[in-house]
């Protein structure tokens, strides 16, 4: 049961009945899948990155006193030889791979900073 939503963040607790959270995650995936067509050898591959930030704090404590967990799904990175893309698809692949590399550097920097 989700108790509330403030400043774009879900607050409260999710108990055994996680259905609202599961439905929201499924809806997010479906929205992105509809916008990003599959290409190449793996028809399930998508040109997208999902970032999920989970903040856990004791009840009654401010979120910044808890812990943060970043989960990053880097789905979509591919090699031209395996996927066989060309033209516009190749340009998209290059841009996507560059963005994933940059995201990897950001994640490494965050780890080093902590």
N, C-alpha and C. Protein backbone atom coordinates (compact mmCIF):
# COMPACT_ATOMS: atom_id res chain seq x y z
N UNK A 1 0.85 -1.17 0.00
CA UNK A 1 0.00 0.00 0.00
C UNK A 1 0.89 1.22 0.00
N UNK A 2 0.76 2.07 -1.01
CA UNK A 2 1.54 3.29 -1.06
C UNK A 2 0.78 4.37 -0.31
N UNK A 3 1.44 5.02 0.63
CA UNK A 3 0.73 5.97 1.48
C UNK A 3 0.65 7.37 0.88
N UNK A 4 1.63 7.79 0.12
CA UNK A 4 1.56 9.15 -0.38
C UNK A 4 2.63 9.45 -1.38
N UNK A 5 2.53 10.61 -1.97
CA UNK A 5 3.53 11.01 -2.95
C UNK A 5 3.80 12.49 -2.74
N UNK A 6 5.04 12.82 -2.44
CA UNK A 6 5.41 14.21 -2.24
C UNK A 6 6.69 14.50 -3.00
N UNK A 7 6.73 15.63 -3.67
CA UNK A 7 7.92 16.07 -4.42
C UNK A 7 8.40 14.99 -5.38
N UNK A 8 7.49 14.27 -6.00
CA UNK A 8 7.88 13.25 -6.97
C UNK A 8 8.42 11.97 -6.35
N UNK A 9 8.39 11.86 -5.02
CA UNK A 9 8.92 10.67 -4.36
C UNK A 9 7.78 9.93 -3.67
N UNK A 10 7.81 8.63 -3.75
CA UNK A 10 6.81 7.83 -3.05
C UNK A 10 7.25 7.70 -1.61
N UNK A 11 6.37 8.01 -0.70
CA UNK A 11 6.69 7.89 0.73
C UNK A 11 5.79 6.84 1.35
N UNK A 12 6.14 6.43 2.50
CA UNK A 12 5.33 5.44 3.20
C UNK A 12 5.92 4.06 3.08
N UNK A 13 5.08 3.08 3.17
CA UNK A 13 5.58 1.71 3.13
C UNK A 13 4.83 0.92 2.08
N UNK A 14 5.49 -0.09 1.60
CA UNK A 14 4.85 -1.03 0.69
C UNK A 14 4.77 -2.34 1.46
N UNK A 15 3.56 -2.79 1.74
CA UNK A 15 3.44 -4.03 2.50
C UNK A 15 3.32 -5.22 1.56
N UNK A 16 2.81 -6.32 2.04
CA UNK A 16 2.73 -7.54 1.24
C UNK A 16 1.99 -7.34 -0.07
N UNK A 17 1.06 -6.45 -0.09
CA UNK A 17 0.29 -6.21 -1.31
C UNK A 17 0.99 -5.14 -2.13
N UNK A 18 1.98 -5.54 -2.91
CA UNK A 18 2.83 -4.62 -3.66
C UNK A 18 2.21 -4.24 -4.99
N UNK A 19 1.01 -4.62 -5.24
CA UNK A 19 0.44 -4.44 -6.57
C UNK A 19 0.56 -3.03 -7.12
N UNK A 20 0.28 -1.95 -6.35
CA UNK A 20 0.41 -0.62 -6.94
C UNK A 20 1.83 -0.34 -7.45
N UNK A 21 2.84 -0.75 -6.71
CA UNK A 21 4.23 -0.52 -7.14
C UNK A 21 4.55 -1.36 -8.36
N UNK A 22 4.09 -2.60 -8.36
CA UNK A 22 4.35 -3.49 -9.50
C UNK A 22 3.66 -2.96 -10.75
N UNK A 23 2.41 -2.51 -10.59
CA UNK A 23 1.68 -1.94 -11.73
C UNK A 23 2.39 -0.71 -12.28
N UNK A 24 2.89 0.15 -11.39
CA UNK A 24 3.59 1.36 -11.83
C UNK A 24 4.85 1.00 -12.60
N UNK A 25 5.60 0.03 -12.11
CA UNK A 25 6.83 -0.39 -12.80
C UNK A 25 6.50 -0.99 -14.16
N UNK A 26 5.45 -1.80 -14.21
CA UNK A 26 5.05 -2.42 -15.48
C UNK A 26 4.62 -1.35 -16.48
N UNK A 27 3.86 -0.36 -16.01
CA UNK A 27 3.39 0.72 -16.88
C UNK A 27 4.57 1.51 -17.43
N UNK A 28 5.57 1.80 -16.57
CA UNK A 28 6.76 2.51 -17.02
C UNK A 28 7.47 1.72 -18.11
N UNK A 29 7.62 0.41 -17.90
CA UNK A 29 8.28 -0.44 -18.89
C UNK A 29 7.50 -0.46 -20.21
N UNK A 30 6.18 -0.58 -20.13
CA UNK A 30 5.36 -0.62 -21.34
C UNK A 30 5.45 0.69 -22.11
N UNK A 31 5.44 1.83 -21.40
CA UNK A 31 5.55 3.13 -22.06
C UNK A 31 6.86 3.23 -22.82
N UNK A 32 7.96 2.84 -22.18
CA UNK A 32 9.27 2.92 -22.84
C UNK A 32 9.37 1.93 -23.98
N UNK A 33 8.83 0.74 -23.81
CA UNK A 33 8.90 -0.27 -24.86
C UNK A 33 8.14 0.17 -26.10
N UNK A 34 7.04 0.86 -25.91
CA UNK A 34 6.26 1.32 -27.06
C UNK A 34 7.01 2.39 -27.84
N UNK A 35 7.87 3.16 -27.15
CA UNK A 35 8.60 4.24 -27.81
C UNK A 35 9.90 3.77 -28.43
N UNK A 36 10.43 2.64 -28.01
CA UNK A 36 11.75 2.21 -28.45
C UNK A 36 11.66 0.86 -29.15
N UNK A 37 11.61 0.85 -30.48
CA UNK A 37 11.48 -0.42 -31.19
C UNK A 37 12.73 -1.29 -31.05
N UNK A 38 12.52 -2.59 -31.04
CA UNK A 38 13.64 -3.53 -30.98
C UNK A 38 14.35 -3.55 -32.33
N UNK A 39 15.65 -3.78 -32.30
CA UNK A 39 16.44 -3.86 -33.53
C UNK A 39 17.43 -5.00 -33.40
N UNK A 40 17.99 -5.39 -34.53
CA UNK A 40 19.10 -6.33 -34.52
C UNK A 40 18.69 -7.75 -34.21
N UNK A 41 19.63 -8.49 -33.64
CA UNK A 41 19.44 -9.92 -33.41
C UNK A 41 18.47 -10.21 -32.27
N UNK A 42 18.57 -9.47 -31.20
CA UNK A 42 17.74 -9.71 -30.03
C UNK A 42 16.52 -8.80 -30.10
N UNK A 43 15.39 -9.35 -30.48
CA UNK A 43 14.18 -8.53 -30.65
C UNK A 43 13.66 -7.97 -29.33
N UNK A 44 14.17 -8.48 -28.20
CA UNK A 44 13.73 -7.95 -26.91
C UNK A 44 14.57 -6.76 -26.48
N UNK A 45 15.70 -6.53 -27.15
CA UNK A 45 16.58 -5.43 -26.75
C UNK A 45 15.90 -4.10 -27.02
N UNK A 46 16.08 -3.17 -26.15
CA UNK A 46 15.48 -1.84 -26.29
C UNK A 46 16.58 -0.80 -26.12
N UNK A 47 16.41 0.31 -26.78
CA UNK A 47 17.36 1.41 -26.66
C UNK A 47 16.89 2.33 -25.55
N UNK A 48 17.12 1.92 -24.33
CA UNK A 48 16.66 2.71 -23.20
C UNK A 48 17.48 2.37 -21.97
N UNK A 49 17.45 3.27 -21.03
CA UNK A 49 18.11 3.07 -19.75
C UNK A 49 17.09 3.38 -18.67
N UNK A 50 16.98 2.54 -17.68
CA UNK A 50 16.10 2.79 -16.55
C UNK A 50 16.95 3.06 -15.33
N UNK A 51 16.61 4.09 -14.59
CA UNK A 51 17.29 4.39 -13.33
C UNK A 51 16.23 4.41 -12.24
N UNK A 52 16.44 3.62 -11.21
CA UNK A 52 15.52 3.57 -10.08
C UNK A 52 16.31 3.94 -8.83
N UNK A 53 15.84 4.93 -8.12
CA UNK A 53 16.46 5.35 -6.87
C UNK A 53 15.55 4.90 -5.73
N UNK A 54 16.09 4.10 -4.83
CA UNK A 54 15.34 3.64 -3.66
C UNK A 54 15.98 4.27 -2.44
N UNK A 55 15.19 5.03 -1.69
CA UNK A 55 15.67 5.64 -0.46
C UNK A 55 14.94 4.97 0.70
N UNK A 56 15.70 4.47 1.66
CA UNK A 56 15.12 3.78 2.81
C UNK A 56 15.55 4.52 4.07
N UNK A 57 14.57 4.89 4.88
CA UNK A 57 14.85 5.57 6.14
C UNK A 57 13.88 5.03 7.19
N UNK A 58 14.26 5.18 8.43
CA UNK A 58 13.37 4.75 9.50
C UNK A 58 12.12 5.62 9.49
N UNK A 59 11.03 5.03 9.91
CA UNK A 59 9.77 5.77 9.97
C UNK A 59 9.93 6.99 10.86
N UNK A 60 9.53 8.14 10.36
CA UNK A 60 9.64 9.38 11.13
C UNK A 60 10.94 10.13 10.91
N UNK A 61 11.92 9.50 10.26
CA UNK A 61 13.20 10.15 9.99
C UNK A 61 13.16 10.80 8.61
N UNK A 62 13.90 11.89 8.43
CA UNK A 62 13.97 12.48 7.09
C UNK A 62 14.68 11.53 6.13
N UNK A 63 14.27 11.52 4.85
CA UNK A 63 14.88 10.60 3.87
C UNK A 63 16.40 10.72 3.77
N UNK A 64 16.92 11.93 3.94
CA UNK A 64 18.37 12.12 3.80
C UNK A 64 19.17 11.43 4.90
N UNK A 65 18.52 10.98 5.96
CA UNK A 65 19.21 10.25 7.02
C UNK A 65 19.22 8.74 6.77
N UNK A 66 18.58 8.32 5.70
CA UNK A 66 18.54 6.90 5.36
C UNK A 66 19.64 6.54 4.38
N UNK A 67 19.41 5.50 3.65
CA UNK A 67 20.36 5.04 2.64
C UNK A 67 19.73 5.14 1.25
N UNK A 68 20.58 5.32 0.26
CA UNK A 68 20.14 5.39 -1.13
C UNK A 68 20.69 4.19 -1.88
N UNK A 69 19.87 3.66 -2.75
CA UNK A 69 20.29 2.57 -3.62
C UNK A 69 19.90 2.95 -5.04
N UNK A 70 20.89 3.09 -5.89
CA UNK A 70 20.63 3.37 -7.30
C UNK A 70 20.68 2.05 -8.05
N UNK A 71 19.64 1.76 -8.81
CA UNK A 71 19.63 0.58 -9.67
C UNK A 71 19.52 1.07 -11.10
N UNK A 72 20.48 0.68 -11.92
CA UNK A 72 20.54 1.16 -13.29
C UNK A 72 20.51 -0.03 -14.24
N UNK A 73 19.54 -0.03 -15.11
CA UNK A 73 19.42 -1.07 -16.13
C UNK A 73 19.99 -0.50 -17.42
N UNK A 74 21.12 -1.01 -17.85
CA UNK A 74 21.80 -0.48 -19.03
C UNK A 74 21.41 -1.24 -20.30
N UNK A 75 20.20 -1.73 -20.35
CA UNK A 75 19.75 -2.47 -21.54
C UNK A 75 19.85 -1.57 -22.77
N UNK A 76 20.25 -2.16 -23.86
CA UNK A 76 20.28 -1.40 -25.10
C UNK A 76 21.66 -1.26 -25.70
N UNK A 77 22.71 -1.46 -24.92
CA UNK A 77 24.05 -1.39 -25.48
C UNK A 77 24.23 -2.54 -26.46
N UNK A 78 24.81 -2.24 -27.61
CA UNK A 78 24.98 -3.30 -28.60
C UNK A 78 26.21 -3.05 -29.47
N UNK A 79 26.62 -4.07 -30.16
CA UNK A 79 27.73 -3.99 -31.10
C UNK A 79 27.17 -4.08 -32.51
N UNK A 80 27.74 -3.28 -33.40
CA UNK A 80 27.24 -3.21 -34.76
C UNK A 80 27.34 -4.55 -35.48
N UNK A 81 28.44 -5.26 -35.28
CA UNK A 81 28.61 -6.55 -35.97
C UNK A 81 27.54 -7.55 -35.57
N UNK A 82 27.16 -7.56 -34.29
CA UNK A 82 26.13 -8.51 -33.83
C UNK A 82 24.74 -8.11 -34.27
N UNK A 83 24.44 -6.81 -34.22
CA UNK A 83 23.07 -6.38 -34.51
C UNK A 83 22.83 -6.16 -35.99
N UNK A 84 23.88 -5.82 -36.74
CA UNK A 84 23.73 -5.61 -38.17
C UNK A 84 23.01 -4.33 -38.54
N UNK A 85 22.88 -3.39 -37.61
CA UNK A 85 22.18 -2.14 -37.92
C UNK A 85 23.01 -1.27 -38.85
N UNK A 86 22.33 -0.44 -39.62
CA UNK A 86 23.01 0.51 -40.50
C UNK A 86 22.14 1.75 -40.63
N UNK A 87 22.69 2.78 -41.26
CA UNK A 87 21.93 4.01 -41.48
C UNK A 87 21.55 4.70 -40.19
N UNK A 88 20.26 5.08 -40.08
CA UNK A 88 19.75 5.79 -38.90
C UNK A 88 19.90 4.93 -37.65
N UNK A 89 19.67 3.64 -37.77
CA UNK A 89 19.82 2.73 -36.63
C UNK A 89 21.24 2.72 -36.11
N UNK A 90 22.23 2.80 -37.03
CA UNK A 90 23.63 2.83 -36.62
C UNK A 90 23.92 4.12 -35.85
N UNK A 91 23.42 5.25 -36.35
CA UNK A 91 23.62 6.53 -35.66
C UNK A 91 23.01 6.49 -34.26
N UNK A 92 21.82 5.91 -34.15
CA UNK A 92 21.18 5.79 -32.84
C UNK A 92 22.00 4.89 -31.91
N UNK A 93 22.54 3.80 -32.46
CA UNK A 93 23.34 2.88 -31.67
C UNK A 93 24.59 3.57 -31.12
N UNK A 94 25.26 4.36 -31.98
CA UNK A 94 26.47 5.07 -31.55
C UNK A 94 26.13 6.05 -30.43
N UNK A 95 25.05 6.82 -30.61
CA UNK A 95 24.64 7.78 -29.58
C UNK A 95 24.26 7.07 -28.28
N UNK A 96 23.55 5.96 -28.40
CA UNK A 96 23.13 5.20 -27.23
C UNK A 96 24.34 4.65 -26.47
N UNK A 97 25.28 4.08 -27.19
CA UNK A 97 26.48 3.53 -26.54
C UNK A 97 27.31 4.63 -25.88
N UNK A 98 27.37 5.82 -26.52
CA UNK A 98 28.10 6.94 -25.92
C UNK A 98 27.41 7.38 -24.62
N UNK A 99 26.08 7.42 -24.64
CA UNK A 99 25.34 7.81 -23.43
C UNK A 99 25.56 6.79 -22.32
N UNK A 100 25.57 5.51 -22.67
CA UNK A 100 25.80 4.47 -21.66
C UNK A 100 27.20 4.57 -21.07
N UNK A 101 28.18 4.89 -21.91
CA UNK A 101 29.55 5.06 -21.41
C UNK A 101 29.62 6.23 -20.44
N UNK A 102 28.95 7.33 -20.79
CA UNK A 102 28.93 8.50 -19.91
C UNK A 102 28.25 8.16 -18.60
N UNK A 103 27.15 7.43 -18.66
CA UNK A 103 26.45 7.02 -17.45
C UNK A 103 27.33 6.13 -16.59
N UNK A 104 28.09 5.26 -17.21
CA UNK A 104 29.03 4.42 -16.47
C UNK A 104 30.07 5.24 -15.73
N UNK A 105 30.57 6.29 -16.40
CA UNK A 105 31.55 7.18 -15.74
C UNK A 105 30.92 7.93 -14.57
N UNK A 106 29.66 8.35 -14.72
CA UNK A 106 28.96 9.03 -13.63
C UNK A 106 28.80 8.08 -12.45
N UNK A 107 28.38 6.85 -12.72
CA UNK A 107 28.21 5.87 -11.64
C UNK A 107 29.53 5.61 -10.93
N UNK A 108 30.62 5.49 -11.69
CA UNK A 108 31.94 5.28 -11.08
C UNK A 108 32.33 6.46 -10.20
N UNK A 109 32.04 7.67 -10.67
CA UNK A 109 32.36 8.87 -9.89
C UNK A 109 31.56 8.90 -8.60
N UNK A 110 30.29 8.52 -8.66
CA UNK A 110 29.46 8.49 -7.45
C UNK A 110 30.02 7.51 -6.44
N UNK A 111 30.47 6.36 -6.90
CA UNK A 111 31.03 5.35 -6.00
C UNK A 111 32.31 5.87 -5.37
N UNK A 112 33.17 6.50 -6.17
CA UNK A 112 34.44 7.03 -5.64
C UNK A 112 34.19 8.14 -4.63
N UNK A 113 33.14 8.95 -4.86
CA UNK A 113 32.83 10.07 -3.98
C UNK A 113 32.39 9.60 -2.61
N UNK A 114 31.65 8.47 -2.57
CA UNK A 114 31.18 7.92 -1.29
C UNK A 114 32.34 7.27 -0.62
